[in-house]
């Protein structure tokens, strides 16, 4: 049992961190406090801005960068969309076959880009001199497979290509610092257990230089309160130029959630989560892996139904059953899930 389990309400049988995380006690309290302040008229825009800046600092810690390199928003697809909008016409974008739509669809929607899809294990070898950007999830949503990010980023850099890495299925259960990618994007409502509506991105010098802030608004200046009105264009010098106006109430909870996760030893969290996942894999006859997500073929949903009948919250994606193990889970959850499947 991980010591952080004490911060979560009983989550027996909840094996769906890869779909929606469970809030820790500090997050629940932050959301309650925000609702009370809002309902009594005590909440202020300035206070929400301060909350966001603290959250930006936590996000920087989790991605191994500095706050001036972190942009905040509400969805991963918005940040991927900035990359897509900045691509030269005819540019090649290399994606993983079957990756999550949020980091694929923006490039397809352009209509004038050459988008190639390859298996995640072939990604590094598929980079060529024609590749403008490599876009991939660090951990695949549908299968739980962990990409060899170091090899992909090295291959892209050697070819002069940019890299976009989505860590939504990684940040929170494994370390995601030192990736070296040009654009690292993450939504915090899964493994970080924050309210939905709080996303962030870390940017490189190339992104700051080459990407246009197509979604620029009042929150894209160095001081949002001085950039509320035209006719001037106010853009921050750093990553804030890519900020999207924050969903205040989501960030009230996200600041607490990100701070809580940033205080943990994520190497230790990974050992706990992957250890449970591998114990479950062994019980159902699967080989060990380096992922906290376990998936297996379930074309007709029978296995998912069996898990549900046993009171287990799981998910099904792309014709596969999917479970995930996180801080609130222990060996009893492994036993419960394995028995539900007849193992």
Protein backbone atom coordinates (compact mmCIF):
# COMPACT_ATOMS: atom_id res chain seq x y z
CA UNK A 1 0.00 0.00 0.00
CA UNK A 2 1.34 3.43 -0.95
CA UNK A 3 1.40 5.89 1.99
CA UNK A 4 -0.39 8.50 -0.14
CA UNK A 5 -3.49 6.26 -0.13
CA UNK A 6 -4.48 7.88 3.17
CA UNK A 7 -5.22 11.09 1.24
CA UNK A 8 -7.95 9.48 -0.86
CA UNK A 9 -11.47 8.42 -0.03
CA UNK A 10 -11.98 4.64 -0.25
CA UNK A 11 -11.49 3.70 -3.89
CA UNK A 12 -11.84 -0.07 -3.70
CA UNK A 13 -12.24 -1.47 -7.20
CA UNK A 14 -11.67 1.88 -8.89
CA UNK A 15 -9.27 0.97 -11.71
CA UNK A 16 -9.88 3.93 -13.98
CA UNK A 17 -7.23 6.57 -13.31
CA UNK A 18 -6.57 6.46 -17.05
CA UNK A 19 -10.14 7.74 -17.55
CA UNK A 20 -10.75 10.00 -14.54
CA UNK A 21 -8.62 10.38 -11.43
CA UNK A 22 -9.98 10.45 -7.88
CA UNK A 23 -9.36 13.70 -5.96
CA UNK A 24 -7.08 13.72 -2.93
CA UNK A 25 -8.26 15.30 0.32
CA UNK A 26 -6.41 18.56 -0.42
CA UNK A 27 -8.16 18.83 -3.79
CA UNK A 28 -11.60 18.14 -2.32
CA UNK A 29 -10.99 20.81 0.31
CA UNK A 30 -9.77 23.33 -2.27
CA UNK A 31 -12.89 22.80 -4.40
CA UNK A 32 -15.19 23.13 -1.36
CA UNK A 33 -13.37 26.27 -0.25
CA UNK A 34 -13.64 27.78 -3.72
CA UNK A 35 -17.37 27.03 -3.90
CA UNK A 36 -17.90 28.67 -0.51
CA UNK A 37 -15.92 31.78 -1.44
CA UNK A 38 -17.69 32.04 -4.78
CA UNK A 39 -21.16 31.59 -3.26
CA UNK A 40 -20.54 34.28 -0.64
CA UNK A 41 -19.04 36.78 -3.07
CA UNK A 42 -15.58 36.50 -1.54
CA UNK A 43 -13.90 35.10 -4.65
CA UNK A 44 -11.96 37.58 -6.79
CA UNK A 45 -10.34 37.46 -10.21
CA UNK A 46 -7.03 38.48 -8.67
CA UNK A 47 -7.17 35.52 -6.28
CA UNK A 48 -7.84 33.13 -9.17
CA UNK A 49 -4.85 34.56 -11.02
CA UNK A 50 -2.66 33.88 -8.00
CA UNK A 51 -3.96 30.31 -7.86
CA UNK A 52 -3.15 29.83 -11.53
CA UNK A 53 0.40 31.08 -11.09
CA UNK A 54 0.98 28.65 -8.23
CA UNK A 55 -0.38 25.87 -10.43
CA UNK A 56 1.93 26.97 -13.26
CA UNK A 57 4.84 26.51 -10.87
CA UNK A 58 3.69 23.00 -9.91
CA UNK A 59 3.29 22.12 -13.60
CA UNK A 60 6.82 23.34 -14.26
CA UNK A 61 8.10 21.05 -11.51
CA UNK A 62 6.24 18.05 -12.94
CA UNK A 63 7.64 18.68 -16.44
CA UNK A 64 11.13 19.61 -15.30
CA UNK A 65 11.14 23.19 -16.53
CA UNK A 66 10.60 26.74 -15.28
CA UNK A 67 7.27 28.60 -14.94
CA UNK A 68 8.12 31.02 -17.76
CA UNK A 69 8.22 27.99 -20.08
CA UNK A 70 4.72 26.79 -19.12
CA UNK A 71 1.48 27.79 -20.86
CA UNK A 72 -1.90 27.05 -19.31
CA UNK A 73 -5.21 26.23 -20.93
CA UNK A 74 -8.20 23.94 -20.79
CA UNK A 75 -7.55 21.20 -23.39
CA UNK A 76 -4.59 19.38 -24.91
CA UNK A 77 -6.08 19.78 -28.40
CA UNK A 78 -5.74 23.57 -28.13
CA UNK A 79 -1.97 23.27 -27.72
CA UNK A 80 -1.75 20.66 -30.47
CA UNK A 81 -3.85 22.99 -32.59
CA UNK A 82 -1.24 25.73 -32.16
CA UNK A 83 1.35 23.36 -33.59
CA UNK A 84 -0.93 22.42 -36.47
CA UNK A 85 -1.72 26.05 -37.26
CA UNK A 86 1.99 26.89 -37.30
CA UNK A 87 3.00 24.12 -39.68
CA UNK A 88 4.07 25.15 -43.18
CA UNK A 89 1.75 23.99 -45.94
CA UNK A 90 2.70 20.52 -47.11
CA UNK A 91 4.77 19.77 -43.99
CA UNK A 92 5.07 16.17 -42.83
CA UNK A 93 3.72 15.30 -39.37
CA UNK A 94 4.57 11.87 -38.00
CA UNK A 95 2.02 10.31 -35.60
CA UNK A 96 1.46 6.99 -33.87
CA UNK A 97 -1.09 4.70 -35.46
CA UNK A 98 -4.08 4.69 -33.10
CA UNK A 99 -2.88 7.54 -30.89
CA UNK A 100 -5.35 9.77 -29.04
CA UNK A 101 -7.28 12.06 -31.35
CA UNK A 102 -6.38 15.29 -29.55
CA UNK A 103 -2.80 15.13 -30.86
CA UNK A 104 -3.71 13.77 -34.29
CA UNK A 105 -6.94 15.46 -35.39
CA UNK A 106 -5.60 19.06 -35.43
CA UNK A 107 -3.06 18.05 -38.08
CA UNK A 108 -5.59 16.10 -40.16
CA UNK A 109 -8.03 19.01 -39.98
CA UNK A 110 -5.55 21.31 -41.72
CA UNK A 111 -6.09 19.38 -44.94
CA UNK A 112 -2.79 20.49 -46.48
CA UNK A 113 -0.35 18.57 -44.27
CA UNK A 114 1.17 15.16 -44.95
CA UNK A 115 0.28 13.08 -41.88
CA UNK A 116 1.92 9.67 -41.53
CA UNK A 117 1.00 7.05 -38.93
CA UNK A 118 3.33 4.28 -37.74
CA UNK A 119 3.38 1.87 -34.76
CA UNK A 120 4.74 3.51 -31.62
CA UNK A 121 7.76 1.18 -31.60
CA UNK A 122 8.72 2.29 -35.11
CA UNK A 123 8.45 6.01 -34.45
CA UNK A 124 12.15 6.87 -34.10
CA UNK A 125 13.11 4.93 -37.24
CA UNK A 126 10.31 6.58 -39.24
CA UNK A 127 11.67 10.12 -38.83
CA UNK A 128 13.14 11.44 -42.08
CA UNK A 129 14.60 14.68 -43.38
CA UNK A 130 11.09 15.56 -44.60
CA UNK A 131 9.54 15.34 -41.13
CA UNK A 132 8.53 18.71 -39.66
CA UNK A 133 7.00 17.43 -36.41
CA UNK A 134 6.67 14.15 -34.52
CA UNK A 135 3.50 14.03 -32.38
CA UNK A 136 3.01 11.18 -29.91
CA UNK A 137 1.69 10.23 -26.49
CA UNK A 138 4.31 9.16 -23.98
CA UNK A 139 1.88 6.45 -22.85
CA UNK A 140 -0.67 5.18 -25.33
CA UNK A 141 -4.27 5.59 -24.16
CA UNK A 142 -5.64 2.50 -25.93
CA UNK A 143 -2.88 0.04 -25.05
CA UNK A 144 -0.84 1.52 -22.20
CA UNK A 145 2.37 1.11 -24.20
CA UNK A 146 5.17 3.44 -23.10
CA UNK A 147 7.05 5.14 -25.93
CA UNK A 148 10.84 5.34 -26.06
CA UNK A 149 10.72 9.11 -25.90
CA UNK A 150 14.48 9.57 -25.68
CA UNK A 151 15.05 7.75 -28.98
CA UNK A 152 12.23 9.58 -30.74
CA UNK A 153 13.34 13.00 -29.56
CA UNK A 154 16.95 12.25 -30.51
CA UNK A 155 15.93 11.08 -33.98
CA UNK A 156 13.76 14.15 -34.50
CA UNK A 157 16.48 16.52 -33.33
CA UNK A 158 19.00 14.87 -35.66
CA UNK A 159 16.61 15.40 -38.58
CA UNK A 160 15.80 18.97 -37.59
CA UNK A 161 12.21 18.06 -36.71
CA UNK A 162 10.11 19.33 -33.82
CA UNK A 163 8.55 17.03 -31.22
CA UNK A 164 5.18 17.17 -29.47
CA UNK A 165 4.72 14.78 -26.53
CA UNK A 166 1.40 14.30 -24.75
CA UNK A 167 1.99 13.18 -21.14
CA UNK A 168 -1.66 13.07 -20.07
CA UNK A 169 -1.47 9.29 -19.54
CA UNK A 170 1.92 9.56 -17.82
CA UNK A 171 2.35 12.63 -15.62
CA UNK A 172 1.23 11.64 -12.15
CA UNK A 173 2.26 7.99 -12.14
CA UNK A 174 5.75 8.29 -13.63
CA UNK A 175 8.42 11.01 -13.87
CA UNK A 176 8.02 13.24 -16.93
CA UNK A 177 10.99 15.54 -16.54
CA UNK A 178 13.91 15.68 -18.94
CA UNK A 179 11.92 14.67 -22.03
CA UNK A 180 13.68 17.26 -24.18
CA UNK A 181 10.66 17.72 -26.45
CA UNK A 182 9.74 21.05 -28.03
CA UNK A 183 6.13 20.93 -26.85
CA UNK A 184 5.03 18.81 -23.89
CA UNK A 185 1.28 18.88 -23.32
CA UNK A 186 -0.77 17.47 -20.45
CA UNK A 187 -4.33 17.50 -19.14
CA UNK A 188 -4.54 17.09 -15.37
CA UNK A 189 -7.85 15.25 -14.84
CA UNK A 190 -6.47 11.72 -15.14
CA UNK A 191 -3.40 10.63 -13.16
CA UNK A 192 -3.01 14.07 -11.59
CA UNK A 193 -6.56 13.78 -10.21
CA UNK A 194 -7.54 17.38 -10.85
CA UNK A 195 -10.92 18.70 -12.01
CA UNK A 196 -11.38 18.56 -15.76
CA UNK A 197 -10.62 21.82 -17.55
CA UNK A 198 -7.01 22.44 -16.48
CA UNK A 199 -4.27 21.65 -19.00
CA UNK A 200 -0.73 22.90 -19.43
CA UNK A 201 2.20 22.78 -21.84
CA UNK A 202 5.96 23.27 -21.66
CA UNK A 203 7.59 24.95 -24.65
CA UNK A 204 11.08 25.15 -26.15
CA UNK A 205 12.90 28.09 -27.71
CA UNK A 206 11.86 26.88 -31.17
CA UNK A 207 8.19 26.89 -30.20
CA UNK A 208 8.47 30.41 -28.78
CA UNK A 209 10.11 31.54 -32.02
CA UNK A 210 8.19 29.57 -34.65
CA UNK A 211 4.66 29.07 -33.31
CA UNK A 212 2.06 31.78 -33.66
CA UNK A 213 -0.26 32.34 -30.69
CA UNK A 214 -3.41 31.84 -32.77
CA UNK A 215 -5.65 31.70 -29.68
CA UNK A 216 -4.23 34.88 -28.15
CA UNK A 217 -6.65 36.68 -25.87
CA UNK A 218 -6.72 38.87 -22.83
CA UNK A 219 -4.70 36.31 -20.84
CA UNK A 220 -1.82 36.18 -23.33
CA UNK A 221 -0.02 39.27 -22.09
CA UNK A 222 2.55 39.58 -19.32
CA UNK A 223 -0.10 41.33 -17.22
CA UNK A 224 -3.60 40.14 -18.20
CA UNK A 225 -5.19 43.07 -16.41
CA UNK A 226 -3.33 45.46 -18.71
CA UNK A 227 -4.18 43.56 -21.90
CA UNK A 228 -7.96 43.33 -21.60
CA UNK A 229 -8.76 45.68 -24.47
CA UNK A 230 -7.56 46.58 -27.96
CA UNK A 231 -6.48 48.02 -30.23
CA UNK A 232 -2.96 46.84 -29.32
CA UNK A 233 -1.73 43.23 -29.42
CA UNK A 234 -0.27 42.31 -26.05
CA UNK A 235 1.89 39.18 -26.02
CA UNK A 236 4.02 37.87 -23.17
CA UNK A 237 7.67 37.23 -23.95
CA UNK A 238 7.53 33.65 -22.66
CA UNK A 239 5.08 30.77 -22.80
CA UNK A 240 2.25 32.88 -21.39
CA UNK A 241 1.66 34.11 -24.94
CA UNK A 242 0.02 30.72 -25.53
CA UNK A 243 -2.21 30.91 -22.43
CA UNK A 244 -5.93 30.40 -22.79
CA UNK A 245 -8.22 32.28 -20.42
CA UNK A 246 -8.41 29.97 -17.38
CA UNK A 247 -11.46 28.05 -16.19
CA UNK A 248 -11.14 29.49 -12.72
CA UNK A 249 -12.98 26.87 -10.68
CA UNK A 250 -11.14 24.01 -12.36
CA UNK A 251 -7.82 25.62 -11.54
CA UNK A 252 -8.82 26.08 -7.89
CA UNK A 253 -8.82 22.30 -7.59
CA UNK A 254 -5.97 21.75 -10.03
CA UNK A 255 -3.55 23.91 -8.07
CA UNK A 256 -4.02 21.68 -5.03
CA UNK A 257 -3.89 18.48 -7.11
CA UNK A 258 -0.71 19.45 -8.97
CA UNK A 259 0.96 20.61 -5.77
CA UNK A 260 0.12 17.32 -4.08
CA UNK A 261 1.56 15.26 -6.94
CA UNK A 262 4.63 17.46 -7.23
CA UNK A 263 5.38 16.69 -3.56
CA UNK A 264 5.52 12.93 -4.23
CA UNK A 265 8.47 10.78 -5.26
CA UNK A 266 7.22 9.80 -8.71
CA UNK A 267 9.82 7.06 -9.07
CA UNK A 268 8.25 5.50 -5.99
CA UNK A 269 4.74 6.05 -7.37
CA UNK A 270 5.76 4.32 -10.60
CA UNK A 271 7.12 1.33 -8.68
CA UNK A 272 3.85 1.05 -6.76
CA UNK A 273 1.55 1.47 -9.76
CA UNK A 274 3.52 -0.74 -12.16
CA UNK A 275 4.03 -3.32 -9.43
CA UNK A 276 0.26 -3.69 -9.01
CA UNK A 277 -0.27 -3.69 -12.77
CA UNK A 278 2.29 -6.45 -13.24
CA UNK A 279 0.79 -8.49 -10.41
CA UNK A 280 -2.53 -8.30 -12.23
CA UNK A 281 -0.88 -9.15 -15.57
CA UNK A 282 0.63 -12.26 -14.01
CA UNK A 283 -2.74 -13.34 -12.64
CA UNK A 284 -4.44 -13.13 -16.04
CA UNK A 285 -1.57 -14.58 -18.03
CA UNK A 286 0.00 -11.47 -19.56
CA UNK A 287 3.70 -10.66 -19.73
CA UNK A 288 5.13 -8.02 -17.42
CA UNK A 289 5.31 -4.43 -18.70
CA UNK A 290 6.58 -1.00 -17.71
CA UNK A 291 3.12 0.58 -17.69
CA UNK A 292 0.50 1.23 -14.99
CA UNK A 293 -2.19 0.61 -17.63
CA UNK A 294 -3.19 -2.95 -18.50
CA UNK A 295 -5.21 -3.74 -21.62
CA UNK A 296 -6.18 -6.97 -23.37
CA UNK A 297 -8.49 -7.96 -26.25
CA UNK A 298 -12.18 -7.79 -25.38
CA UNK A 299 -13.95 -7.43 -28.72
CA UNK A 300 -17.48 -7.93 -27.40
CA UNK A 301 -17.02 -6.29 -23.99
CA UNK A 302 -17.58 -9.50 -22.00
CA UNK A 303 -14.54 -9.01 -19.77
CA UNK A 304 -15.43 -5.38 -19.10
CA UNK A 305 -18.95 -6.47 -18.19
CA UNK A 306 -17.56 -9.07 -15.78
CA UNK A 307 -15.44 -6.44 -14.07
CA UNK A 308 -18.45 -4.14 -13.77
CA UNK A 309 -20.61 -6.93 -12.32
CA UNK A 310 -17.97 -7.37 -9.59
CA UNK A 311 -18.18 -3.70 -8.66
CA UNK A 312 -14.99 -2.71 -10.47
CA UNK A 313 -14.78 0.55 -12.40
CA UNK A 314 -12.78 -0.07 -15.57
CA UNK A 315 -12.98 1.06 -19.19
CA UNK A 316 -12.96 -0.28 -22.72
CA UNK A 317 -11.04 1.29 -25.59
CA UNK A 318 -10.47 0.21 -29.20
CA UNK A 319 -11.84 -3.28 -28.67
CA UNK A 320 -9.81 -3.85 -25.52
CA UNK A 321 -10.60 -3.95 -21.80
CA UNK A 322 -8.51 -1.48 -19.83
CA UNK A 323 -7.64 -1.13 -16.14
CA UNK A 324 -5.20 1.17 -14.38
CA UNK A 325 -3.59 1.06 -10.95
CA UNK A 326 -2.76 4.18 -8.96
CA UNK A 327 -2.21 5.53 -5.46
CA UNK A 328 -5.57 4.45 -4.00
CA UNK A 329 -5.16 0.86 -5.18
CA UNK A 330 -3.51 -2.08 -3.40
CA UNK A 331 -3.13 -5.86 -3.64
CA UNK A 332 -6.79 -6.36 -2.76
CA UNK A 333 -7.77 -4.56 -5.98
CA UNK A 334 -5.55 -6.94 -7.96
CA UNK A 335 -7.25 -9.89 -6.29
CA UNK A 336 -10.74 -8.48 -6.84
CA UNK A 337 -10.14 -7.82 -10.54
CA UNK A 338 -8.43 -11.15 -11.21
CA UNK A 339 -11.22 -13.11 -9.53
CA UNK A 340 -13.85 -11.20 -11.49
CA UNK A 341 -12.21 -12.54 -14.65
CA UNK A 342 -12.05 -16.09 -13.30
CA UNK A 343 -8.35 -16.13 -12.45
